[in-house]
Amino acid sequence: MKISLKIILALCSLGCLTGFPWAFLPWEITEHIINMQNAIPIGNAGFTILSYRFHCLLFGAFAFYFFILLYRSAKYAKLINIAAYLLIVMGVYMHWLKLRSGLLNTASHWEPVIWALIGGLILLFNRKTYTTAKKVKHSTSNDRRGQLCLKAIACLLASSLIWIFLPYSSRMAILHQFTLPVNTLHAHEQYTMGLIAGFLGFSSIIIWIISTKTNHYSELYKLILGVFICVPFILSIWLIQLELNSVILYLLLIFFELTGIGLAISHYKNRQLDTSRSFSHLK
């Protein structure tokens, strides 16, 4: 069962990793390949490019996430179970999102079913490890600032799920408040924005759990810090390149960038403090 679990988690990591390079390919290549697979063309509007590349970056983050779960499958057995349930929900959500957006994509027609099936297999293969892990208690983190900050970020990301239930007119009104040059949301944009909202919303659950025991989830905590520092920086570059002059979006990116840097500094100081305490106990 343990080997089977690792194989499934490796497939999850590789599956997400395949979406990551698309964020950095020239748009002409991406557009050509996507249009060959779809009855509906994707287009080359700035907002379309930005949203598509952003969701590819999130796939990259999840690739590292599943790799850490693979590497520490015994340690993170409880979180693996939660990830499995989220995969099942995500599979169902992706299928509903395709129906809602009207996106006909033959290449990823079975993708929602595959992700839901993988979630079920993870629950099956992780059953024994999870039963053992439930009996083990872990000490909570002394990084109180980091905990509170992660909880606040989790709540902020969870609010992105509101996008899913908004009518089309309300979603357009929000985009106009961000002063983004969007006159209409095509099928690809609706699907991509829905995926982004889903990814961010479901990530909030994981981040909230990590915030309760940042010492125990140290590898995943570092991954969050890396994502908060790198992703806003990359998105800012794309905003400039695509000439999407959204002041509100820039301010949000600066907020997450500074949050990531602040959390990294706080984490580094707490690690130094823990190290000094260990040495003092030895003396």
Protein backbone atom coordinates (compact mmCIF):
# COMPACT_ATOMS: atom_id res chain seq x y z
CA MET A 1 0.00 0.00 0.00
CA LYS A 2 2.84 2.39 0.84
CA ILE A 3 4.48 1.92 -2.56
CA SER A 4 1.11 2.29 -4.31
CA LEU A 5 0.49 5.54 -2.42
CA LYS A 6 3.88 6.91 -3.45
CA ILE A 7 3.24 6.00 -7.08
CA ILE A 8 -0.12 7.79 -7.06
CA LEU A 9 1.38 10.89 -5.40
CA ALA A 10 4.22 10.83 -7.95
CA LEU A 11 1.63 10.76 -10.76
CA CYS A 12 -0.16 13.72 -9.15
CA SER A 13 3.08 15.67 -8.99
CA LEU A 14 4.00 14.84 -12.59
CA GLY A 15 0.45 15.55 -13.78
CA CYS A 16 0.54 19.04 -12.26
CA LEU A 17 4.09 19.59 -13.47
CA THR A 18 3.02 19.10 -17.09
CA GLY A 19 0.90 22.26 -16.81
CA PHE A 20 3.70 24.41 -15.37
CA PRO A 21 5.90 24.99 -18.50
CA TRP A 22 2.91 26.42 -20.38
CA ALA A 23 3.21 29.52 -18.21
CA PHE A 24 6.49 30.44 -19.89
CA LEU A 25 5.97 29.31 -23.48
CA PRO A 26 5.56 32.02 -26.16
CA TRP A 27 1.84 32.70 -26.45
CA GLU A 28 1.85 32.01 -30.21
CA ILE A 29 2.82 28.39 -29.51
CA THR A 30 0.34 28.00 -26.66
CA GLU A 31 -2.49 29.52 -28.68
CA HIS A 32 -1.76 27.31 -31.70
CA ILE A 33 -1.73 24.07 -29.66
CA ILE A 34 -4.87 24.93 -27.67
CA ASN A 35 -6.79 25.95 -30.79
CA MET A 36 -5.91 22.63 -32.44
CA GLN A 37 -7.57 20.80 -29.53
CA ASN A 38 -10.65 22.99 -29.17
CA ALA A 39 -13.70 23.90 -31.17
CA ILE A 40 -13.60 27.33 -29.47
CA PRO A 41 -10.49 29.49 -30.16
CA ILE A 42 -8.73 30.91 -27.10
CA GLY A 43 -7.68 34.27 -28.58
CA ASN A 44 -4.76 36.49 -27.60
CA ALA A 45 -6.24 39.21 -25.37
CA GLY A 46 -4.01 40.37 -22.52
CA PHE A 47 -6.40 39.20 -19.80
CA THR A 48 -6.71 35.78 -21.46
CA ILE A 49 -2.93 35.35 -21.51
CA LEU A 50 -2.53 36.53 -17.90
CA SER A 51 -5.26 34.29 -16.46
CA TYR A 52 -4.07 31.23 -18.42
CA ARG A 53 -0.44 31.69 -17.33
CA PHE A 54 -1.50 32.30 -13.73
CA HIS A 55 -3.39 29.02 -13.55
CA CYS A 56 -0.34 27.26 -15.01
CA LEU A 57 1.78 28.74 -12.21
CA LEU A 58 -0.68 27.30 -9.69
CA PHE A 59 -0.28 23.88 -11.31
CA GLY A 60 3.46 24.24 -10.71
CA ALA A 61 2.88 25.05 -7.03
CA PHE A 62 0.70 21.96 -6.65
CA ALA A 63 3.39 19.85 -8.36
CA PHE A 64 5.80 20.79 -5.56
CA TYR A 65 3.02 20.25 -3.00
CA PHE A 66 2.40 16.67 -4.11
CA PHE A 67 6.15 16.02 -4.30
CA ILE A 68 6.51 17.03 -0.64
CA LEU A 69 3.60 14.76 0.30
CA LEU A 70 5.33 11.97 -1.63
CA TYR A 71 8.65 12.64 0.11
CA ARG A 72 7.03 12.82 3.57
CA SER A 73 4.06 10.50 3.08
CA ALA A 74 4.23 9.01 6.61
CA LYS A 75 4.69 12.38 8.30
CA TYR A 76 1.88 14.06 6.37
CA ALA A 77 -0.62 11.17 6.33
CA LYS A 78 -3.42 13.32 7.76
CA LEU A 79 -2.87 16.06 5.19
CA ILE A 80 -2.72 13.47 2.39
CA ASN A 81 -6.22 12.32 3.35
CA ILE A 82 -7.51 15.90 3.20
CA ALA A 83 -5.77 16.38 -0.16
CA ALA A 84 -7.52 13.25 -1.44
CA TYR A 85 -10.96 14.59 -0.52
CA LEU A 86 -10.08 17.91 -2.17
CA LEU A 87 -9.06 16.08 -5.36
CA ILE A 88 -12.43 14.33 -5.49
CA VAL A 89 -14.25 17.63 -4.96
CA MET A 90 -11.98 19.30 -7.53
CA GLY A 91 -12.74 16.61 -10.10
CA VAL A 92 -16.48 17.12 -9.70
CA TYR A 93 -16.00 20.89 -9.73
CA MET A 94 -13.93 20.81 -12.95
CA HIS A 95 -16.64 18.82 -14.70
CA TRP A 96 -19.32 21.28 -13.55
CA LEU A 97 -17.11 24.19 -14.62
CA LYS A 98 -16.71 22.76 -18.13
CA LEU A 99 -20.47 22.45 -18.45
CA ARG A 100 -21.01 25.97 -17.11
CA SER A 101 -18.41 27.63 -19.35
CA GLY A 102 -19.39 25.63 -22.44
CA LEU A 103 -15.77 24.67 -23.08
CA LEU A 104 -15.33 21.75 -25.44
CA ASN A 105 -11.85 20.37 -24.94
CA THR A 106 -11.30 16.85 -26.28
CA ALA A 107 -7.76 16.72 -24.85
CA SER A 108 -8.93 17.14 -21.24
CA HIS A 109 -12.40 15.61 -21.52
CA TRP A 110 -11.55 12.89 -18.98
CA GLU A 111 -9.40 15.10 -16.74
CA PRO A 112 -12.09 15.69 -14.05
CA VAL A 113 -12.82 11.96 -13.84
CA ILE A 114 -9.12 11.13 -13.58
CA TRP A 115 -8.52 13.59 -10.73
CA ALA A 116 -11.58 12.33 -8.80
CA LEU A 117 -10.45 8.72 -9.33
CA ILE A 118 -6.93 9.55 -8.11
CA GLY A 119 -8.41 11.11 -4.97
CA GLY A 120 -10.31 7.91 -4.27
CA LEU A 121 -7.18 5.78 -4.77
CA ILE A 122 -5.18 7.99 -2.41
CA LEU A 123 -7.83 7.49 0.30
CA LEU A 124 -7.62 3.74 -0.24
CA PHE A 125 -3.82 3.47 -0.24
CA ASN A 126 -3.37 5.94 2.65
CA ARG A 127 -5.84 4.21 4.94
CA LYS A 128 -3.33 2.27 7.06
CA THR A 129 -0.83 5.14 7.36
CA TYR A 130 -3.62 7.56 8.27
CA THR A 131 -4.92 5.26 11.03
CA THR A 132 -1.45 5.16 12.58
CA ALA A 133 -0.89 8.91 12.17
CA LYS A 134 -4.13 9.75 14.04
CA LYS A 135 -2.59 8.33 17.23
CA VAL A 136 0.49 10.57 17.02
CA LYS A 137 0.36 14.04 18.58
CA HIS A 138 2.59 16.85 17.33
CA SER A 139 3.72 20.00 19.09
CA THR A 140 2.33 23.26 17.75
CA SER A 141 4.49 26.05 16.40
CA ASN A 142 5.79 28.93 18.50
CA ASP A 143 5.67 31.21 15.45
CA ARG A 144 2.48 32.98 16.50
CA ARG A 145 2.84 35.81 13.98
CA GLY A 146 3.24 33.32 11.19
CA GLN A 147 0.21 31.36 12.34
CA LEU A 148 -2.04 34.41 12.52
CA CYS A 149 -0.80 35.69 9.15
CA LEU A 150 -1.41 32.33 7.44
CA LYS A 151 -4.91 32.15 8.91
CA ALA A 152 -5.69 35.64 7.60
CA ILE A 153 -4.36 34.68 4.14
CA ALA A 154 -6.42 31.47 4.21
CA CYS A 155 -9.58 33.49 4.88
CA LEU A 156 -8.68 35.91 2.08
CA LEU A 157 -8.09 33.09 -0.41
CA ALA A 158 -11.30 31.34 0.68
CA SER A 159 -13.24 34.43 -0.37
CA SER A 160 -12.24 33.70 -3.98
CA LEU A 161 -14.81 30.88 -3.94
CA ILE A 162 -17.49 33.60 -4.08
CA TRP A 163 -16.48 34.09 -7.75
CA ILE A 164 -17.83 30.62 -8.54
CA PHE A 165 -21.39 31.45 -7.50
CA LEU A 166 -21.59 34.99 -8.90
CA PRO A 167 -23.74 35.61 -11.98
CA TYR A 168 -21.96 36.63 -15.18
CA SER A 169 -22.85 40.32 -14.80
CA SER A 170 -21.35 40.47 -11.29
CA ARG A 171 -18.11 38.84 -12.45
CA MET A 172 -17.81 41.38 -15.25
CA ALA A 173 -18.45 44.22 -12.78
CA ILE A 174 -15.60 42.98 -10.55
CA LEU A 175 -13.19 42.85 -13.49
CA HIS A 176 -14.17 46.39 -14.47
CA GLN A 177 -13.45 47.54 -10.89
CA PHE A 178 -9.93 46.20 -11.42
CA THR A 179 -9.79 48.37 -14.58
CA LEU A 180 -8.97 45.32 -16.70
CA PRO A 181 -9.74 45.66 -20.43
CA VAL A 182 -12.35 42.88 -20.58
CA ASN A 183 -15.51 43.39 -22.61
CA THR A 184 -16.73 39.81 -22.39
CA LEU A 185 -15.65 36.54 -20.79
CA HIS A 186 -15.21 33.82 -23.41
CA ALA A 187 -15.43 30.10 -22.63
CA HIS A 188 -11.69 29.72 -22.01
CA GLU A 189 -11.57 32.76 -19.72
CA GLN A 190 -14.60 31.58 -17.74
CA TYR A 191 -13.07 28.12 -17.31
CA THR A 192 -9.60 29.44 -16.42
CA MET A 193 -10.91 32.01 -13.93
CA GLY A 194 -13.13 29.33 -12.40
CA LEU A 195 -10.10 27.05 -12.01
CA ILE A 196 -8.09 29.84 -10.39
CA ALA A 197 -10.93 30.55 -7.94
CA GLY A 198 -11.19 26.85 -7.15
CA PHE A 199 -7.43 26.40 -6.72
CA LEU A 200 -7.16 29.42 -4.42
CA GLY A 201 -10.27 28.46 -2.44
CA PHE A 202 -9.23 24.85 -1.89
CA SER A 203 -5.66 25.98 -1.10
CA SER A 204 -7.08 28.06 1.76
CA ILE A 205 -8.08 24.83 3.53
CA ILE A 206 -4.55 23.45 3.24
CA ILE A 207 -2.97 26.73 4.35
CA TRP A 208 -5.28 26.91 7.38
CA ILE A 209 -4.26 23.38 8.44
CA ILE A 210 -0.56 24.21 7.97
CA SER A 211 -0.99 27.37 10.05
CA THR A 212 -1.97 25.29 13.09
CA LYS A 213 1.35 23.40 13.16
CA THR A 214 3.95 25.26 11.10
CA ASN A 215 6.80 23.39 12.80
CA HIS A 216 5.33 20.02 11.87
CA TYR A 217 4.49 21.13 8.31
CA SER A 218 7.84 22.89 7.92
CA GLU A 219 8.48 21.80 4.29
CA LEU A 220 5.02 22.90 3.19
CA TYR A 221 5.37 26.15 5.14
CA LYS A 222 8.53 26.91 3.17
CA LEU A 223 6.69 26.09 -0.06
CA ILE A 224 3.98 28.63 0.82
CA LEU A 225 6.65 31.25 1.49
CA GLY A 226 8.26 30.53 -1.88
CA VAL A 227 4.93 30.78 -3.71
CA PHE A 228 4.02 34.09 -2.01
CA ILE A 229 7.40 35.57 -2.95
CA CYS A 230 7.79 34.23 -6.52
CA VAL A 231 4.25 34.23 -7.97
CA PRO A 232 3.38 37.92 -7.32
CA PHE A 233 6.77 38.94 -8.75
CA ILE A 234 6.20 36.92 -11.94
CA LEU A 235 2.62 38.19 -12.31
CA SER A 236 3.84 41.78 -11.96
CA ILE A 237 6.26 41.26 -14.84
CA TRP A 238 3.48 39.83 -17.01
CA LEU A 239 1.18 42.73 -16.13
CA ILE A 240 3.82 45.16 -17.38
CA GLN A 241 4.52 43.12 -20.53
CA LEU A 242 0.81 42.79 -21.37
CA GLU A 243 0.16 46.47 -20.53
CA LEU A 244 -2.60 45.64 -18.07
CA ASN A 245 -2.51 48.75 -15.91
CA SER A 246 -4.62 47.65 -12.95
CA VAL A 247 -3.68 49.64 -9.83
CA ILE A 248 -5.79 47.41 -7.54
CA LEU A 249 -4.17 44.27 -8.92
CA TYR A 250 -0.70 45.77 -8.49
CA LEU A 251 -1.53 46.63 -4.86
CA LEU A 252 -2.75 43.06 -4.21
CA LEU A 253 0.44 41.63 -5.69
CA ILE A 254 2.57 43.99 -3.58
CA PHE A 255 0.59 42.92 -0.50
CA PHE A 256 1.22 39.22 -1.11
CA GLU A 257 4.87 39.88 -2.00
CA LEU A 258 5.49 41.78 1.25
CA THR A 259 3.53 39.15 3.18
CA GLY A 260 5.73 36.40 1.78
CA ILE A 261 8.91 38.31 2.61
CA GLY A 262 7.62 39.14 6.11
CA LEU A 263 6.70 35.51 6.79
CA ALA A 264 10.11 34.36 5.54
CA ILE A 265 11.90 36.77 7.89
CA SER A 266 9.67 35.73 10.80
CA HIS A 267 10.29 32.04 10.05
CA TYR A 268 14.06 32.60 9.85
CA LYS A 269 14.13 34.44 13.18
CA ASN A 270 12.08 31.73 14.88
CA ARG A 271 14.38 29.03 13.52
CA GLN A 272 17.36 30.94 14.92
CA LEU A 273 15.57 31.27 18.26
CA ASP A 274 14.83 27.52 18.36
CA THR A 275 18.47 26.77 17.54
CA SER A 276 19.77 29.05 20.30
CA ARG A 277 17.39 27.43 22.80
CA SER A 278 18.62 23.99 21.80
CA PHE A 279 22.22 25.03 22.40
CA SER A 280 21.33 26.58 25.76
CA HIS A 281 19.69 23.32 26.89
CA LEU A 282 22.83 21.40 25.87
CA LYS A 283 24.97 23.70 28.00
